[in-house]
Amino acid sequence: MNYFTHIYIPINIRENIWNALIVPKYDGSLVKRKLAEATSRPVTIEDLKAAIVKTSSTSVPGPSGIFYITMKT
């Protein structure tokens, strides 16, 4: 939950995913259903903006190579 690369994911989404993975007794169908529920809400532009605001302006988010500073602008 507190792994440094995950801190930019909103806490409610992290908690939903965490809760989907932590089940009293492993049940593949239950885990699959809970993960589907936890990740089924579309990411809104507000979610995206909030995540970008929290990032370092000098880092690059992934394969696109677009710096966060560019996205912030």
PDB file of N, CA and C in Angstrom:
ATOM      1  N   MET A   1       0.811  -1.206   0.000  1.00  0.00           N
ATOM      2  CA  MET A   1       0.000   0.000   0.000  1.00  0.00           C
ATOM      3  C   MET A   1       0.850   1.265   0.000  1.00  0.00           C
ATOM      4  N   ASN A   2       2.002   1.226   0.652  1.00  0.00           N
ATOM      5  CA  ASN A   2       2.809   2.434   0.770  1.00  0.00           C
ATOM      6  C   ASN A   2       4.041   2.417  -0.119  1.00  0.00           C
ATOM      7  N   TYR A   3       4.124   1.476  -1.045  1.00  0.00           N
ATOM      8  CA  TYR A   3       5.256   1.424  -1.954  1.00  0.00           C
ATOM      9  C   TYR A   3       5.342   2.751  -2.697  1.00  0.00           C
ATOM     10  N   PHE A   4       6.527   3.329  -2.740  1.00  0.00           N
ATOM     11  CA  PHE A   4       6.665   4.711  -3.207  1.00  0.00           C
ATOM     12  C   PHE A   4       6.078   4.979  -4.586  1.00  0.00           C
ATOM     13  N   THR A   5       6.094   4.028  -5.496  1.00  0.00           N
ATOM     14  CA  THR A   5       5.529   4.298  -6.821  1.00  0.00           C
ATOM     15  C   THR A   5       4.004   4.297  -6.810  1.00  0.00           C
ATOM     16  N   HIS A   6       3.407   3.801  -5.734  1.00  0.00           N
ATOM     17  CA  HIS A   6       1.951   3.739  -5.664  1.00  0.00           C
ATOM     18  C   HIS A   6       1.347   4.922  -4.931  1.00  0.00           C
ATOM     19  N   ILE A   7       2.166   5.781  -4.330  1.00  0.00           N
ATOM     20  CA  ILE A   7       1.599   6.854  -3.515  1.00  0.00           C
ATOM     21  C   ILE A   7       0.828   7.889  -4.330  1.00  0.00           C
ATOM     22  N   TYR A   8       1.020   7.896  -5.632  1.00  0.00           N
ATOM     23  CA  TYR A   8       0.295   8.852  -6.464  1.00  0.00           C
ATOM     24  C   TYR A   8      -1.072   8.328  -6.889  1.00  0.00           C
ATOM     25  N   ILE A   9      -1.341   7.075  -6.595  1.00  0.00           N
ATOM     26  CA  ILE A   9      -2.660   6.501  -6.876  1.00  0.00           C
ATOM     27  C   ILE A   9      -3.569   6.914  -5.724  1.00  0.00           C
ATOM     28  N   PRO A  10      -4.719   7.502  -6.011  1.00  0.00           N
ATOM     29  CA  PRO A  10      -5.604   7.937  -4.925  1.00  0.00           C
ATOM     30  C   PRO A  10      -5.860   6.810  -3.926  1.00  0.00           C
ATOM     31  N   ILE A  11      -5.881   7.147  -2.646  1.00  0.00           N
ATOM     32  CA  ILE A  11      -5.997   6.167  -1.576  1.00  0.00           C
ATOM     33  C   ILE A  11      -7.237   5.297  -1.710  1.00  0.00           C
ATOM     34  N   ASN A  12      -8.353   5.859  -2.150  1.00  0.00           N
ATOM     35  CA  ASN A  12      -9.561   5.039  -2.265  1.00  0.00           C
ATOM     36  C   ASN A  12      -9.398   3.948  -3.323  1.00  0.00           C
ATOM     37  N   ILE A  13      -8.672   4.227  -4.399  1.00  0.00           N
ATOM     38  CA  ILE A  13      -8.435   3.211  -5.424  1.00  0.00           C
ATOM     39  C   ILE A  13      -7.470   2.165  -4.897  1.00  0.00           C
ATOM     40  N   ARG A  14      -6.395   2.605  -4.203  1.00  0.00           N
ATOM     41  CA  ARG A  14      -5.450   1.644  -3.610  1.00  0.00           C
ATOM     42  C   ARG A  14      -6.155   0.731  -2.617  1.00  0.00           C
ATOM     43  N   GLU A  15      -7.024   1.308  -1.787  1.00  0.00           N
ATOM     44  CA  GLU A  15      -7.738   0.499  -0.800  1.00  0.00           C
ATOM     45  C   GLU A  15      -8.677  -0.495  -1.474  1.00  0.00           C
ATOM     46  N   ASN A  16      -9.363  -0.077  -2.533  1.00  0.00           N
ATOM     47  CA  ASN A  16     -10.260  -0.992  -3.246  1.00  0.00           C
ATOM     48  C   ASN A  16      -9.489  -2.168  -3.832  1.00  0.00           C
ATOM     49  N   ILE A  17      -8.357  -1.887  -4.450  1.00  0.00           N
ATOM     50  CA  ILE A  17      -7.546  -2.954  -5.035  1.00  0.00           C
ATOM     51  C   ILE A  17      -6.993  -3.849  -3.929  1.00  0.00           C
ATOM     52  N   TRP A  18      -6.477  -3.237  -2.861  1.00  0.00           N
ATOM     53  CA  TRP A  18      -5.941  -4.012  -1.732  1.00  0.00           C
ATOM     54  C   TRP A  18      -7.014  -4.931  -1.157  1.00  0.00           C
ATOM     55  N   ASN A  19      -8.202  -4.386  -0.926  1.00  0.00           N
ATOM     56  CA  ASN A  19      -9.290  -5.184  -0.367  1.00  0.00           C
ATOM     57  C   ASN A  19      -9.714  -6.302  -1.314  1.00  0.00           C
ATOM     58  N   ALA A  20      -9.593  -6.075  -2.599  1.00  0.00           N
ATOM     59  CA  ALA A  20      -9.929  -7.117  -3.559  1.00  0.00           C
ATOM     60  C   ALA A  20      -8.925  -8.259  -3.512  1.00  0.00           C
ATOM     61  N   LEU A  21      -7.680  -7.942  -3.195  1.00  0.00           N
ATOM     62  CA  LEU A  21      -6.640  -8.972  -3.162  1.00  0.00           C
ATOM     63  C   LEU A  21      -6.587  -9.730  -1.838  1.00  0.00           C
ATOM     64  N   ILE A  22      -7.011  -9.092  -0.772  1.00  0.00           N
ATOM     65  CA  ILE A  22      -6.954  -9.711   0.549  1.00  0.00           C
ATOM     66  C   ILE A  22      -8.304 -10.345   0.844  1.00  0.00           C
ATOM     67  N   VAL A  23      -8.350 -11.639   0.707  1.00  0.00           N
ATOM     68  CA  VAL A  23      -9.584 -12.381   1.000  1.00  0.00           C
ATOM     69  C   VAL A  23      -9.253 -13.434   2.053  1.00  0.00           C
ATOM     70  N   PRO A  24     -10.218 -13.766   2.921  1.00  0.00           N
ATOM     71  CA  PRO A  24      -9.935 -14.716   4.001  1.00  0.00           C
ATOM     72  C   PRO A  24      -9.366 -16.049   3.509  1.00  0.00           C
ATOM     73  N   LYS A  25      -9.929 -16.602   2.486  1.00  0.00           N
ATOM     74  CA  LYS A  25      -9.440 -17.847   1.899  1.00  0.00           C
ATOM     75  C   LYS A  25      -9.432 -17.632   0.393  1.00  0.00           C
ATOM     76  N   TYR A  26      -8.323 -17.962  -0.239  1.00  0.00           N
ATOM     77  CA  TYR A  26      -8.209 -17.675  -1.671  1.00  0.00           C
ATOM     78  C   TYR A  26      -9.336 -18.336  -2.452  1.00  0.00           C
ATOM     79  N   ASP A  27      -9.988 -17.552  -3.244  1.00  0.00           N
ATOM     80  CA  ASP A  27     -11.057 -18.012  -4.128  1.00  0.00           C
ATOM     81  C   ASP A  27     -10.893 -17.215  -5.417  1.00  0.00           C
ATOM     82  N   GLY A  28     -10.344 -17.850  -6.440  1.00  0.00           N
ATOM     83  CA  GLY A  28     -10.039 -17.162  -7.693  1.00  0.00           C
ATOM     84  C   GLY A  28     -11.196 -16.378  -8.268  1.00  0.00           C
ATOM     85  N   SER A  29     -12.401 -16.939  -8.239  1.00  0.00           N
ATOM     86  CA  SER A  29     -13.551 -16.228  -8.803  1.00  0.00           C
ATOM     87  C   SER A  29     -13.911 -15.007  -7.956  1.00  0.00           C
ATOM     88  N   LEU A  30     -13.770 -15.124  -6.630  1.00  0.00           N
ATOM     89  CA  LEU A  30     -14.051 -13.989  -5.756  1.00  0.00           C
ATOM     90  C   LEU A  30     -13.038 -12.879  -5.981  1.00  0.00           C
ATOM     91  N   VAL A  31     -11.764 -13.236  -6.076  1.00  0.00           N
ATOM     92  CA  VAL A  31     -10.721 -12.238  -6.321  1.00  0.00           C
ATOM     93  C   VAL A  31     -10.965 -11.553  -7.657  1.00  0.00           C
ATOM     94  N   LYS A  32     -11.285 -12.327  -8.670  1.00  0.00           N
ATOM     95  CA  LYS A  32     -11.541 -11.759  -9.997  1.00  0.00           C
ATOM     96  C   LYS A  32     -12.727 -10.792  -9.954  1.00  0.00           C
ATOM     97  N   ARG A  33     -13.792 -11.168  -9.270  1.00  0.00           N
ATOM     98  CA  ARG A  33     -14.973 -10.306  -9.172  1.00  0.00           C
ATOM     99  C   ARG A  33     -14.649  -9.024  -8.403  1.00  0.00           C
ATOM    100  N   LYS A  34     -13.933  -9.164  -7.273  1.00  0.00           N
ATOM    101  CA  LYS A  34     -13.611  -7.993  -6.469  1.00  0.00           C
ATOM    102  C   LYS A  34     -12.660  -7.053  -7.208  1.00  0.00           C
ATOM    103  N   LEU A  35     -11.704  -7.602  -7.954  1.00  0.00           N
ATOM    104  CA  LEU A  35     -10.815  -6.750  -8.744  1.00  0.00           C
ATOM    105  C   LEU A  35     -11.582  -6.032  -9.848  1.00  0.00           C
ATOM    106  N   ALA A  36     -12.513  -6.720 -10.468  1.00  0.00           N
ATOM    107  CA  ALA A  36     -13.327  -6.094 -11.512  1.00  0.00           C
ATOM    108  C   ALA A  36     -14.119  -4.928 -10.925  1.00  0.00           C
ATOM    109  N   GLU A  37     -14.697  -5.127  -9.736  1.00  0.00           N
ATOM    110  CA  GLU A  37     -15.449  -4.056  -9.081  1.00  0.00           C
ATOM    111  C   GLU A  37     -14.528  -2.880  -8.721  1.00  0.00           C
ATOM    112  N   ALA A  38     -13.332  -3.197  -8.217  1.00  0.00           N
ATOM    113  CA  ALA A  38     -12.408  -2.155  -7.758  1.00  0.00           C
ATOM    114  C   ALA A  38     -11.848  -1.325  -8.903  1.00  0.00           C
ATOM    115  N   THR A  39     -11.791  -1.889 -10.079  1.00  0.00           N
ATOM    116  CA  THR A  39     -11.168  -1.186 -11.206  1.00  0.00           C
ATOM    117  C   THR A  39     -12.145  -0.835 -12.319  1.00  0.00           C
ATOM    118  N   SER A  40     -13.441  -0.973 -12.071  1.00  0.00           N
ATOM    119  CA  SER A  40     -14.415  -0.755 -13.147  1.00  0.00           C
ATOM    120  C   SER A  40     -14.783   0.711 -13.356  1.00  0.00           C
ATOM    121  N   ARG A  41     -14.529   1.562 -12.359  1.00  0.00           N
ATOM    122  CA  ARG A  41     -14.876   2.978 -12.518  1.00  0.00           C
ATOM    123  C   ARG A  41     -13.879   3.635 -13.460  1.00  0.00           C
ATOM    124  N   PRO A  42     -14.372   4.317 -14.471  1.00  0.00           N
ATOM    125  CA  PRO A  42     -13.461   5.001 -15.388  1.00  0.00           C
ATOM    126  C   PRO A  42     -12.664   6.094 -14.666  1.00  0.00           C
ATOM    127  N   VAL A  43     -11.463   6.320 -15.123  1.00  0.00           N
ATOM    128  CA  VAL A  43     -10.639   7.402 -14.586  1.00  0.00           C
ATOM    129  C   VAL A  43     -11.183   8.708 -15.152  1.00  0.00           C
ATOM    130  N   THR A  44     -11.477   9.643 -14.271  1.00  0.00           N
ATOM    131  CA  THR A  44     -12.016  10.935 -14.714  1.00  0.00           C
ATOM    132  C   THR A  44     -10.870  11.899 -14.989  1.00  0.00           C
ATOM    133  N   ILE A  45     -11.170  12.973 -15.658  1.00  0.00           N
ATOM    134  CA  ILE A  45     -10.170  14.005 -15.912  1.00  0.00           C
ATOM    135  C   ILE A  45      -9.711  14.606 -14.578  1.00  0.00           C
ATOM    136  N   GLU A  46     -10.618  14.655 -13.599  1.00  0.00           N
ATOM    137  CA  GLU A  46     -10.255  15.161 -12.269  1.00  0.00           C
ATOM    138  C   GLU A  46      -9.243  14.225 -11.602  1.00  0.00           C
ATOM    139  N   ASP A  47      -9.436  12.900 -11.752  1.00  0.00           N
ATOM    140  CA  ASP A  47      -8.478  11.926 -11.224  1.00  0.00           C
ATOM    141  C   ASP A  47      -7.106  12.137 -11.861  1.00  0.00           C
ATOM    142  N   LEU A  48      -7.108  12.300 -13.164  1.00  0.00           N
ATOM    143  CA  LEU A  48      -5.864  12.488 -13.904  1.00  0.00           C
ATOM    144  C   LEU A  48      -5.159  13.779 -13.467  1.00  0.00           C
ATOM    145  N   LYS A  49      -5.909  14.861 -13.373  1.00  0.00           N
ATOM    146  CA  LYS A  49      -5.323  16.140 -12.953  1.00  0.00           C
ATOM    147  C   LYS A  49      -4.747  16.043 -11.544  1.00  0.00           C
ATOM    148  N   ALA A  50      -5.478  15.394 -10.641  1.00  0.00           N
ATOM    149  CA  ALA A  50      -5.014  15.262  -9.256  1.00  0.00           C
ATOM    150  C   ALA A  50      -3.724  14.441  -9.194  1.00  0.00           C
ATOM    151  N   ALA A  51      -3.622  13.406 -10.006  1.00  0.00           N
ATOM    152  CA  ALA A  51      -2.414  12.578 -10.019  1.00  0.00           C
ATOM    153  C   ALA A  51      -1.230  13.358 -10.586  1.00  0.00           C
ATOM    154  N   ILE A  52      -1.455  14.119 -11.636  1.00  0.00           N
ATOM    155  CA  ILE A  52      -0.371  14.885 -12.270  1.00  0.00           C
ATOM    156  C   ILE A  52       0.147  15.968 -11.334  1.00  0.00           C
ATOM    157  N   VAL A  53      -0.736  16.621 -10.594  1.00  0.00           N
ATOM    158  CA  VAL A  53      -0.331  17.682  -9.667  1.00  0.00           C
ATOM    159  C   VAL A  53       0.654  17.156  -8.628  1.00  0.00           C
ATOM    160  N   LYS A  54       0.493  15.911  -8.209  1.00  0.00           N
ATOM    161  CA  LYS A  54       1.322  15.340  -7.145  1.00  0.00           C
ATOM    162  C   LYS A  54       2.695  14.862  -7.625  1.00  0.00           C
ATOM    163  N   THR A  55       2.953  14.895  -8.907  1.00  0.00           N
ATOM    164  CA  THR A  55       4.188  14.326  -9.433  1.00  0.00           C
ATOM    165  C   THR A  55       5.334  15.332  -9.482  1.00  0.00           C
ATOM    166  N   SER A  56       6.528  14.791  -9.597  1.00  0.00           N
ATOM    167  CA  SER A  56       7.719  15.616  -9.764  1.00  0.00           C
ATOM    168  C   SER A  56       7.742  16.137 -11.200  1.00  0.00           C
ATOM    169  N   SER A  57       8.066  17.389 -11.364  1.00  0.00           N
ATOM    170  CA  SER A  57       8.086  17.988 -12.700  1.00  0.00           C
ATOM    171  C   SER A  57       9.213  17.457 -13.572  1.00  0.00           C
ATOM    172  N   THR A  58      10.192  16.793 -12.973  1.00  0.00           N
ATOM    173  CA  THR A  58      11.335  16.304 -13.753  1.00  0.00           C
ATOM    174  C   THR A  58      11.247  14.815 -14.083  1.00  0.00           C
ATOM    175  N   SER A  59      10.209  14.153 -13.633  1.00  0.00           N
ATOM    176  CA  SER A  59      10.120  12.721 -13.914  1.00  0.00           C
ATOM    177  C   SER A  59       9.263  12.450 -15.145  1.00  0.00           C
ATOM    178  N   VAL A  60       9.456  11.256 -15.675  1.00  0.00           N
ATOM    179  CA  VAL A  60       8.739  10.814 -16.862  1.00  0.00           C
ATOM    180  C   VAL A  60       7.853   9.634 -16.451  1.00  0.00           C
ATOM    181  N   PRO A  61       6.546   9.669 -16.767  1.00  0.00           N
ATOM    182  CA  PRO A  61       5.642   8.647 -16.284  1.00  0.00           C
ATOM    183  C   PRO A  61       5.762   7.268 -16.927  1.00  0.00           C
ATOM    184  N   GLY A  62       6.272   7.166 -18.108  1.00  0.00           N
ATOM    185  CA  GLY A  62       6.317   5.851 -18.729  1.00  0.00           C
ATOM    186  C   GLY A  62       6.819   5.878 -20.147  1.00  0.00           C
ATOM    187  N   PRO A  63       6.388   4.900 -20.936  1.00  0.00           N
ATOM    188  CA  PRO A  63       6.895   4.742 -22.301  1.00  0.00           C
ATOM    189  C   PRO A  63       6.693   5.949 -23.208  1.00  0.00           C
ATOM    190  N   SER A  64       5.734   6.796 -22.893  1.00  0.00           N
ATOM    191  CA  SER A  64       5.477   7.956 -23.760  1.00  0.00           C
ATOM    192  C   SER A  64       6.659   8.915 -23.767  1.00  0.00           C
ATOM    193  N   GLY A  65       7.385   8.972 -22.640  1.00  0.00           N
ATOM    194  CA  GLY A  65       8.506   9.895 -22.539  1.00  0.00           C
ATOM    195  C   GLY A  65       8.086  11.335 -22.321  1.00  0.00           C
ATOM    196  N   ILE A  66       6.796  11.576 -22.118  1.00  0.00           N
ATOM    197  CA  ILE A  66       6.308  12.935 -21.897  1.00  0.00           C
ATOM    198  C   ILE A  66       6.552  13.286 -20.436  1.00  0.00           C
ATOM    199  N   PHE A  67       7.288  14.360 -20.193  1.00  0.00           N
ATOM    200  CA  PHE A  67       7.567  14.779 -18.826  1.00  0.00           C
ATOM    201  C   PHE A  67       6.292  15.288 -18.172  1.00  0.00           C
ATOM    202  N   TYR A  68       6.208  15.085 -16.855  1.00  0.00           N
ATOM    203  CA  TYR A  68       5.053  15.582 -16.116  1.00  0.00           C
ATOM    204  C   TYR A  68       4.925  17.091 -16.223  1.00  0.00           C
ATOM    205  N   ILE A  69       6.035  17.787 -16.321  1.00  0.00           N
ATOM    206  CA  ILE A  69       5.982  19.245 -16.457  1.00  0.00           C
ATOM    207  C   ILE A  69       5.189  19.640 -17.693  1.00  0.00           C
ATOM    208  N   THR A  70       5.329  18.861 -18.760  1.00  0.00           N
ATOM    209  CA  THR A  70       4.575  19.115 -19.981  1.00  0.00           C
ATOM    210  C   THR A  70       3.089  18.921 -19.732  1.00  0.00           C
ATOM    211  N   MET A  71       2.750  17.843 -19.011  1.00  0.00           N
ATOM    212  CA  MET A  71       1.338  17.579 -18.704  1.00  0.00           C
ATOM    213  C   MET A  71       0.784  18.646 -17.785  1.00  0.00           C
ATOM    214  N   LYS A  72       1.599  19.125 -16.823  1.00  0.00           N
ATOM    215  CA  LYS A  72       1.131  20.145 -15.897  1.00  0.00           C
ATOM    216  C   LYS A  72       0.832  21.448 -16.630  1.00  0.00           C
ATOM    217  N   THR A  73       1.643  21.734 -17.647  1.00  0.00           N
ATOM    218  CA  THR A  73       1.443  22.946 -18.417  1.00  0.00           C
ATOM    219  C   THR A  73       0.161  22.843 -19.211  1.00  0.00           C
TER     220      THR A  73
END
